[in-house]
N, C-alpha and C. Protein backbone atom coordinates (compact mmCIF):
# COMPACT_ATOMS: atom_id res chain seq x y z
N MET A 1 0.84 -1.15 0.00
CA MET A 1 0.00 0.00 0.00
C MET A 1 0.90 1.23 0.00
N LYS A 2 0.67 2.03 -1.01
CA LYS A 2 1.50 3.20 -1.17
C LYS A 2 0.76 4.42 -0.61
N LEU A 3 1.37 5.14 0.28
CA LEU A 3 0.77 6.34 0.86
C LEU A 3 1.08 7.55 -0.01
N SER A 4 0.05 8.36 -0.16
CA SER A 4 0.27 9.57 -0.97
C SER A 4 1.02 10.60 -0.11
N PRO A 5 1.84 11.38 -0.74
CA PRO A 5 2.61 12.37 0.04
C PRO A 5 1.67 13.43 0.64
N ARG A 6 2.08 13.96 1.75
CA ARG A 6 1.31 15.02 2.40
C ARG A 6 1.24 16.23 1.50
N PRO A 7 0.06 16.82 1.39
CA PRO A 7 -0.02 18.01 0.53
C PRO A 7 0.80 19.15 1.12
N THR A 8 1.43 19.89 0.25
CA THR A 8 2.20 21.04 0.71
C THR A 8 1.26 22.20 0.99
N LYS A 9 1.76 23.21 1.67
CA LYS A 9 0.94 24.36 2.07
C LYS A 9 0.36 25.06 0.85
N SER A 10 1.09 25.13 -0.23
CA SER A 10 0.63 25.86 -1.41
C SER A 10 -0.52 25.14 -2.12
N SER A 11 -0.70 23.86 -1.93
CA SER A 11 -1.75 23.15 -2.65
C SER A 11 -3.00 22.89 -1.80
N ARG A 12 -3.04 23.38 -0.55
CA ARG A 12 -4.18 23.09 0.31
C ARG A 12 -5.31 24.10 0.15
N GLY A 13 -5.09 25.26 -0.43
CA GLY A 13 -6.15 26.25 -0.59
C GLY A 13 -6.13 27.27 0.55
N PHE A 14 -7.24 27.98 0.68
CA PHE A 14 -7.34 29.04 1.69
C PHE A 14 -7.85 28.47 3.00
N THR A 15 -7.42 29.08 4.09
CA THR A 15 -7.92 28.68 5.40
C THR A 15 -9.20 29.44 5.69
N LEU A 16 -9.91 28.99 6.67
CA LEU A 16 -11.16 29.63 7.05
C LEU A 16 -10.93 31.07 7.51
N ILE A 17 -9.85 31.31 8.18
CA ILE A 17 -9.54 32.67 8.65
C ILE A 17 -9.28 33.60 7.47
N GLU A 18 -8.55 33.14 6.47
CA GLU A 18 -8.28 33.97 5.30
C GLU A 18 -9.56 34.31 4.55
N ILE A 19 -10.43 33.36 4.41
CA ILE A 19 -11.69 33.60 3.72
C ILE A 19 -12.57 34.55 4.51
N SER A 20 -12.65 34.37 5.83
CA SER A 20 -13.51 35.24 6.64
C SER A 20 -12.97 36.67 6.67
N ILE A 21 -11.68 36.86 6.68
CA ILE A 21 -11.10 38.21 6.63
C ILE A 21 -11.42 38.86 5.29
N SER A 22 -11.33 38.10 4.21
CA SER A 22 -11.67 38.64 2.90
C SER A 22 -13.13 39.07 2.83
N VAL A 23 -14.02 38.26 3.38
CA VAL A 23 -15.45 38.60 3.39
C VAL A 23 -15.69 39.85 4.23
N MET A 24 -15.02 39.97 5.36
CA MET A 24 -15.20 41.16 6.21
C MET A 24 -14.71 42.42 5.50
N ILE A 25 -13.60 42.34 4.79
CA ILE A 25 -13.09 43.51 4.06
C ILE A 25 -14.07 43.93 2.96
N ILE A 26 -14.60 42.96 2.24
CA ILE A 26 -15.57 43.27 1.18
C ILE A 26 -16.82 43.89 1.78
N ALA A 27 -17.31 43.36 2.91
CA ALA A 27 -18.49 43.91 3.56
C ALA A 27 -18.24 45.35 4.02
N LEU A 28 -17.06 45.62 4.52
CA LEU A 28 -16.71 46.97 4.96
C LEU A 28 -16.71 47.94 3.77
N LEU A 29 -16.13 47.53 2.66
CA LEU A 29 -16.10 48.38 1.46
C LEU A 29 -17.51 48.63 0.92
N VAL A 30 -18.35 47.62 0.94
CA VAL A 30 -19.74 47.80 0.49
C VAL A 30 -20.47 48.77 1.42
N GLY A 31 -20.26 48.65 2.71
CA GLY A 31 -20.88 49.57 3.66
C GLY A 31 -20.46 51.01 3.43
N ILE A 32 -19.19 51.22 3.16
CA ILE A 32 -18.70 52.58 2.89
C ILE A 32 -19.33 53.12 1.60
N ALA A 33 -19.43 52.29 0.58
CA ALA A 33 -20.01 52.73 -0.69
C ALA A 33 -21.48 53.08 -0.53
N VAL A 34 -22.24 52.28 0.21
CA VAL A 34 -23.66 52.56 0.42
C VAL A 34 -23.85 53.86 1.20
N ALA A 35 -23.03 54.08 2.21
CA ALA A 35 -23.12 55.32 2.98
C ALA A 35 -22.82 56.54 2.12
N ALA A 36 -21.83 56.45 1.26
CA ALA A 36 -21.49 57.57 0.39
C ALA A 36 -22.61 57.85 -0.61
N LEU A 37 -23.22 56.81 -1.14
CA LEU A 37 -24.32 57.00 -2.10
C LEU A 37 -25.54 57.61 -1.43
N SER A 38 -25.86 57.21 -0.21
CA SER A 38 -27.04 57.77 0.45
C SER A 38 -26.81 59.23 0.82
N ASP A 39 -25.57 59.61 1.17
CA ASP A 39 -25.26 61.01 1.45
C ASP A 39 -25.42 61.86 0.21
N SER A 40 -24.96 61.36 -0.93
CA SER A 40 -25.07 62.15 -2.16
C SER A 40 -26.52 62.30 -2.58
N LYS A 41 -27.34 61.30 -2.33
CA LYS A 41 -28.75 61.40 -2.68
C LYS A 41 -29.45 62.45 -1.81
N SER A 42 -29.17 62.47 -0.52
CA SER A 42 -29.80 63.46 0.35
C SER A 42 -29.34 64.87 0.00
N GLU A 43 -28.07 65.01 -0.41
CA GLU A 43 -27.58 66.33 -0.83
C GLU A 43 -28.28 66.80 -2.10
N SER A 44 -28.53 65.90 -3.04
CA SER A 44 -29.21 66.30 -4.27
C SER A 44 -30.66 66.67 -4.00
N THR A 45 -31.31 66.01 -3.05
CA THR A 45 -32.68 66.36 -2.68
C THR A 45 -32.71 67.75 -2.05
N THR A 46 -31.75 68.05 -1.18
CA THR A 46 -31.67 69.36 -0.55
C THR A 46 -31.44 70.44 -1.59
N THR A 47 -30.56 70.18 -2.55
CA THR A 47 -30.29 71.16 -3.59
C THR A 47 -31.54 71.42 -4.42
N GLY A 48 -32.31 70.39 -4.72
CA GLY A 48 -33.55 70.57 -5.48
C GLY A 48 -34.57 71.39 -4.71
N ALA A 49 -34.66 71.17 -3.40
CA ALA A 49 -35.59 71.93 -2.58
C ALA A 49 -35.17 73.39 -2.50
N GLU A 50 -33.86 73.64 -2.41
CA GLU A 50 -33.38 75.02 -2.38
C GLU A 50 -33.70 75.73 -3.68
N GLY A 51 -33.58 75.03 -4.81
CA GLY A 51 -33.90 75.62 -6.11
C GLY A 51 -35.37 75.96 -6.21
N THR A 52 -36.23 75.08 -5.69
CA THR A 52 -37.67 75.33 -5.70
C THR A 52 -38.01 76.52 -4.84
N ALA A 53 -37.41 76.61 -3.67
CA ALA A 53 -37.66 77.75 -2.78
C ALA A 53 -37.22 79.06 -3.42
N LYS A 54 -36.08 79.05 -4.10
CA LYS A 54 -35.59 80.26 -4.77
C LYS A 54 -36.55 80.65 -5.88
N THR A 55 -37.04 79.68 -6.65
CA THR A 55 -37.99 79.98 -7.73
C THR A 55 -39.25 80.60 -7.17
N LEU A 56 -39.78 80.03 -6.08
CA LEU A 56 -40.99 80.60 -5.46
C LEU A 56 -40.73 82.01 -4.94
N ASN A 57 -39.59 82.22 -4.30
CA ASN A 57 -39.27 83.54 -3.77
C ASN A 57 -39.17 84.56 -4.91
N ASP A 58 -38.52 84.19 -6.00
CA ASP A 58 -38.40 85.09 -7.14
C ASP A 58 -39.78 85.43 -7.72
N ALA A 59 -40.65 84.43 -7.81
CA ALA A 59 -42.00 84.67 -8.34
C ALA A 59 -42.80 85.59 -7.43
N ILE A 60 -42.66 85.42 -6.12
CA ILE A 60 -43.37 86.28 -5.17
C ILE A 60 -42.88 87.72 -5.30
N VAL A 61 -41.57 87.90 -5.43
CA VAL A 61 -41.02 89.25 -5.58
C VAL A 61 -41.52 89.88 -6.88
N ARG A 62 -41.53 89.11 -7.97
CA ARG A 62 -42.03 89.65 -9.24
C ARG A 62 -43.50 90.02 -9.14
N ALA A 63 -44.30 89.21 -8.45
CA ALA A 63 -45.72 89.51 -8.29
C ALA A 63 -45.91 90.79 -7.49
N LYS A 64 -45.15 90.95 -6.42
CA LYS A 64 -45.26 92.17 -5.60
C LYS A 64 -44.83 93.40 -6.39
N LEU A 65 -43.74 93.27 -7.17
CA LEU A 65 -43.26 94.40 -7.97
C LEU A 65 -44.27 94.78 -9.06
N ALA A 66 -45.02 93.80 -9.55
CA ALA A 66 -46.03 94.06 -10.58
C ALA A 66 -47.29 94.66 -9.98
N GLY A 67 -47.37 94.72 -8.65
CA GLY A 67 -48.53 95.32 -8.00
C GLY A 67 -49.63 94.33 -7.67
N ASP A 68 -49.41 93.04 -7.90
CA ASP A 68 -50.41 92.03 -7.55
C ASP A 68 -50.43 91.85 -6.04
N GLU A 69 -51.51 91.22 -5.56
CA GLU A 69 -51.58 90.97 -4.13
C GLU A 69 -50.55 89.92 -3.72
N ASP A 70 -50.24 89.90 -2.47
CA ASP A 70 -49.24 88.96 -1.95
C ASP A 70 -49.76 87.55 -2.10
N PRO A 71 -49.11 86.71 -2.92
CA PRO A 71 -49.62 85.36 -3.17
C PRO A 71 -49.56 84.45 -1.95
N ARG A 72 -48.82 84.84 -0.91
CA ARG A 72 -48.73 83.99 0.28
C ARG A 72 -50.00 84.06 1.12
N ILE A 73 -50.88 85.05 0.87
CA ILE A 73 -52.12 85.15 1.65
C ILE A 73 -53.35 85.02 0.76
N VAL A 74 -53.19 84.37 -0.39
CA VAL A 74 -54.30 84.20 -1.33
C VAL A 74 -55.22 83.07 -0.92
N GLY A 75 -54.68 82.02 -0.34
CA GLY A 75 -55.47 80.84 0.00
C GLY A 75 -56.44 81.09 1.13
N GLU A 76 -57.09 80.02 1.55
CA GLU A 76 -58.07 80.12 2.63
C GLU A 76 -57.42 80.50 3.96
N GLU A 77 -56.17 80.15 4.12
CA GLU A 77 -55.45 80.54 5.33
C GLU A 77 -54.09 81.10 4.93
N ALA A 78 -53.51 81.90 5.78
CA ALA A 78 -52.22 82.51 5.48
C ALA A 78 -51.15 81.43 5.30
N ASN A 79 -50.23 81.69 4.41
CA ASN A 79 -49.12 80.79 4.12
C ASN A 79 -49.57 79.45 3.54
N ASP A 80 -50.65 79.46 2.76
CA ASP A 80 -51.11 78.25 2.07
C ASP A 80 -50.25 78.10 0.81
N THR A 81 -49.23 77.27 0.89
CA THR A 81 -48.24 77.17 -0.18
C THR A 81 -48.86 76.71 -1.49
N ARG A 82 -49.75 75.73 -1.45
CA ARG A 82 -50.35 75.23 -2.69
C ARG A 82 -51.18 76.31 -3.38
N ALA A 83 -51.93 77.07 -2.60
CA ALA A 83 -52.74 78.15 -3.18
C ALA A 83 -51.83 79.22 -3.77
N ALA A 84 -50.74 79.52 -3.09
CA ALA A 84 -49.80 80.53 -3.59
C ALA A 84 -49.17 80.07 -4.89
N ILE A 85 -48.77 78.81 -4.97
CA ILE A 85 -48.18 78.28 -6.20
C ILE A 85 -49.19 78.33 -7.34
N GLU A 86 -50.41 77.93 -7.08
CA GLU A 86 -51.45 77.96 -8.11
C GLU A 86 -51.69 79.40 -8.58
N TYR A 87 -51.75 80.35 -7.65
CA TYR A 87 -51.94 81.75 -7.98
C TYR A 87 -50.80 82.25 -8.88
N LEU A 88 -49.56 81.93 -8.50
CA LEU A 88 -48.40 82.36 -9.28
C LEU A 88 -48.38 81.73 -10.67
N LYS A 89 -48.82 80.47 -10.79
CA LYS A 89 -48.91 79.82 -12.10
C LYS A 89 -49.96 80.49 -12.97
N ASN A 90 -51.12 80.76 -12.38
CA ASN A 90 -52.21 81.40 -13.13
C ASN A 90 -51.83 82.79 -13.61
N LYS A 91 -51.03 83.50 -12.84
CA LYS A 91 -50.60 84.85 -13.22
C LYS A 91 -49.40 84.83 -14.18
N GLY A 92 -48.79 83.66 -14.38
CA GLY A 92 -47.67 83.54 -15.31
C GLY A 92 -46.30 83.81 -14.72
N TYR A 93 -46.21 83.83 -13.39
CA TYR A 93 -44.92 84.07 -12.75
C TYR A 93 -44.08 82.80 -12.63
N ILE A 94 -44.75 81.65 -12.70
CA ILE A 94 -44.06 80.34 -12.65
C ILE A 94 -44.54 79.54 -13.86
N ASP A 95 -43.60 78.81 -14.48
CA ASP A 95 -43.96 77.96 -15.63
C ASP A 95 -44.68 76.72 -15.18
């Protein structure tokens, strides 16, 4: 009966510790990437809201300069944003 030689270290493959460390590093990198993507999405939402607020402010100023009534008090209650936007659209101050 002939015994096969003991496998050398290079032919045995990866150990459980090496594989688990590799998985942990990959999970860490994925976590960093997801966090960076969610931050950029929230920043783009904030920028869009700031642009909308600036557009509304500009339209209100143009309406006041044209002598129209203050669109912020047009609705049923003061500061009714939807009524103000509708008023500004109807008057042609917002596209």
